[in-house]
């Protein structure tokens, strides 16, 4: 469950800057972290490594599935990656 919400917690990186941002804008300092946590390639690569390596720990695989679900839900509801200024990409 934690990985289902973890990607959106990247805004905490620049929480002190949030009051000065426009509505819907993420502080630019948080954008690289936000975008890294919202790229499907990262959890997909880790899931592939999980299946290829001699690792058997179901909570790790469940966390990766939760992470992918979060990214999928964001895309379905119209939320995507951010520009370097912190706005939604069009």
Protein backbone atom coordinates (compact mmCIF):
# COMPACT_ATOMS: atom_id res chain seq x y z
CA UNK A 1 0.00 0.00 0.00
CA UNK A 2 2.85 2.40 0.74
CA UNK A 3 4.12 2.25 -2.84
CA UNK A 4 0.65 3.12 -4.06
CA UNK A 5 1.03 6.62 -2.58
CA UNK A 6 4.83 6.93 -2.39
CA UNK A 7 5.33 8.53 -5.84
CA UNK A 8 3.20 11.53 -4.88
CA UNK A 9 5.18 12.13 -1.71
CA UNK A 10 8.02 13.55 -3.80
CA UNK A 11 6.46 16.99 -3.37
CA UNK A 12 7.81 16.89 0.19
CA UNK A 13 11.28 17.55 -1.27
CA UNK A 14 10.33 21.20 -1.74
CA UNK A 15 7.42 21.64 0.63
CA UNK A 16 8.80 24.98 1.84
CA UNK A 17 8.47 26.40 -1.71
CA UNK A 18 4.87 25.21 -2.27
CA UNK A 19 3.07 28.36 -0.98
CA UNK A 20 4.85 30.48 -3.61
CA UNK A 21 3.84 28.26 -6.55
CA UNK A 22 0.94 28.83 -8.93
CA UNK A 23 -2.10 26.58 -8.68
CA UNK A 24 -1.21 23.15 -10.02
CA UNK A 25 2.51 23.92 -10.16
CA UNK A 26 5.03 21.67 -8.47
CA UNK A 27 8.14 23.40 -7.10
CA UNK A 28 10.89 23.07 -9.74
CA UNK A 29 13.26 21.53 -7.19
CA UNK A 30 10.84 18.58 -6.76
CA UNK A 31 10.25 17.98 -10.49
CA UNK A 32 13.19 15.59 -11.13
CA UNK A 33 12.11 13.40 -8.21
CA UNK A 34 8.45 13.52 -9.23
CA UNK A 35 9.24 12.62 -12.85
CA UNK A 36 11.60 9.80 -11.82
CA UNK A 37 8.92 8.25 -9.59
CA UNK A 38 6.28 8.60 -12.33
CA UNK A 39 8.11 6.89 -15.18
CA UNK A 40 6.83 3.37 -15.76
CA UNK A 41 10.22 2.23 -17.03
CA UNK A 42 11.69 2.32 -13.52
CA UNK A 43 9.31 -0.16 -11.82
CA UNK A 44 9.06 -2.26 -14.98
CA UNK A 45 12.85 -2.63 -15.07
CA UNK A 46 12.92 -3.52 -11.38
CA UNK A 47 10.11 -6.06 -11.91
CA UNK A 48 12.07 -7.64 -14.77
CA UNK A 49 15.14 -7.81 -12.54
CA UNK A 50 13.02 -9.35 -9.78
CA UNK A 51 11.91 -12.15 -12.11
CA UNK A 52 15.41 -12.72 -13.51
CA UNK A 53 17.32 -12.69 -10.22
CA UNK A 54 17.17 -15.49 -7.67
CA UNK A 55 15.11 -13.30 -5.36
CA UNK A 56 11.87 -14.47 -3.83
CA UNK A 57 10.34 -11.85 -1.59
CA UNK A 58 6.65 -11.28 -2.44
CA UNK A 59 6.40 -7.91 -0.64
CA UNK A 60 8.98 -6.47 -3.07
CA UNK A 61 6.95 -7.62 -6.06
CA UNK A 62 3.73 -6.31 -4.47
CA UNK A 63 5.42 -2.93 -3.94
CA UNK A 64 6.43 -2.79 -7.61
CA UNK A 65 2.85 -3.65 -8.63
CA UNK A 66 1.52 -0.88 -6.39
CA UNK A 67 3.99 1.57 -7.88
CA UNK A 68 2.94 0.63 -11.42
CA UNK A 69 -0.72 0.89 -10.43
CA UNK A 70 -0.15 4.42 -9.15
CA UNK A 71 1.50 5.46 -12.41
CA UNK A 72 -1.32 3.86 -14.39
CA UNK A 73 -4.03 5.59 -12.35
CA UNK A 74 -2.30 8.93 -12.79
CA UNK A 75 -2.23 8.49 -16.58
CA UNK A 76 -5.88 7.40 -16.69
CA UNK A 77 -6.97 10.46 -14.74
CA UNK A 78 -4.91 12.81 -16.90
CA UNK A 79 -1.87 13.36 -14.70
CA UNK A 80 1.48 12.93 -16.36
CA UNK A 81 5.04 14.07 -16.11
CA UNK A 82 5.93 17.68 -15.31
CA UNK A 83 7.87 20.31 -17.18
CA UNK A 84 11.03 21.66 -15.57
CA UNK A 85 8.94 24.61 -14.32
CA UNK A 86 6.62 22.20 -12.50
CA UNK A 87 3.50 22.33 -14.69
CA UNK A 88 1.72 19.35 -16.27
CA UNK A 89 3.05 18.48 -19.70
CA UNK A 90 0.48 19.07 -22.41
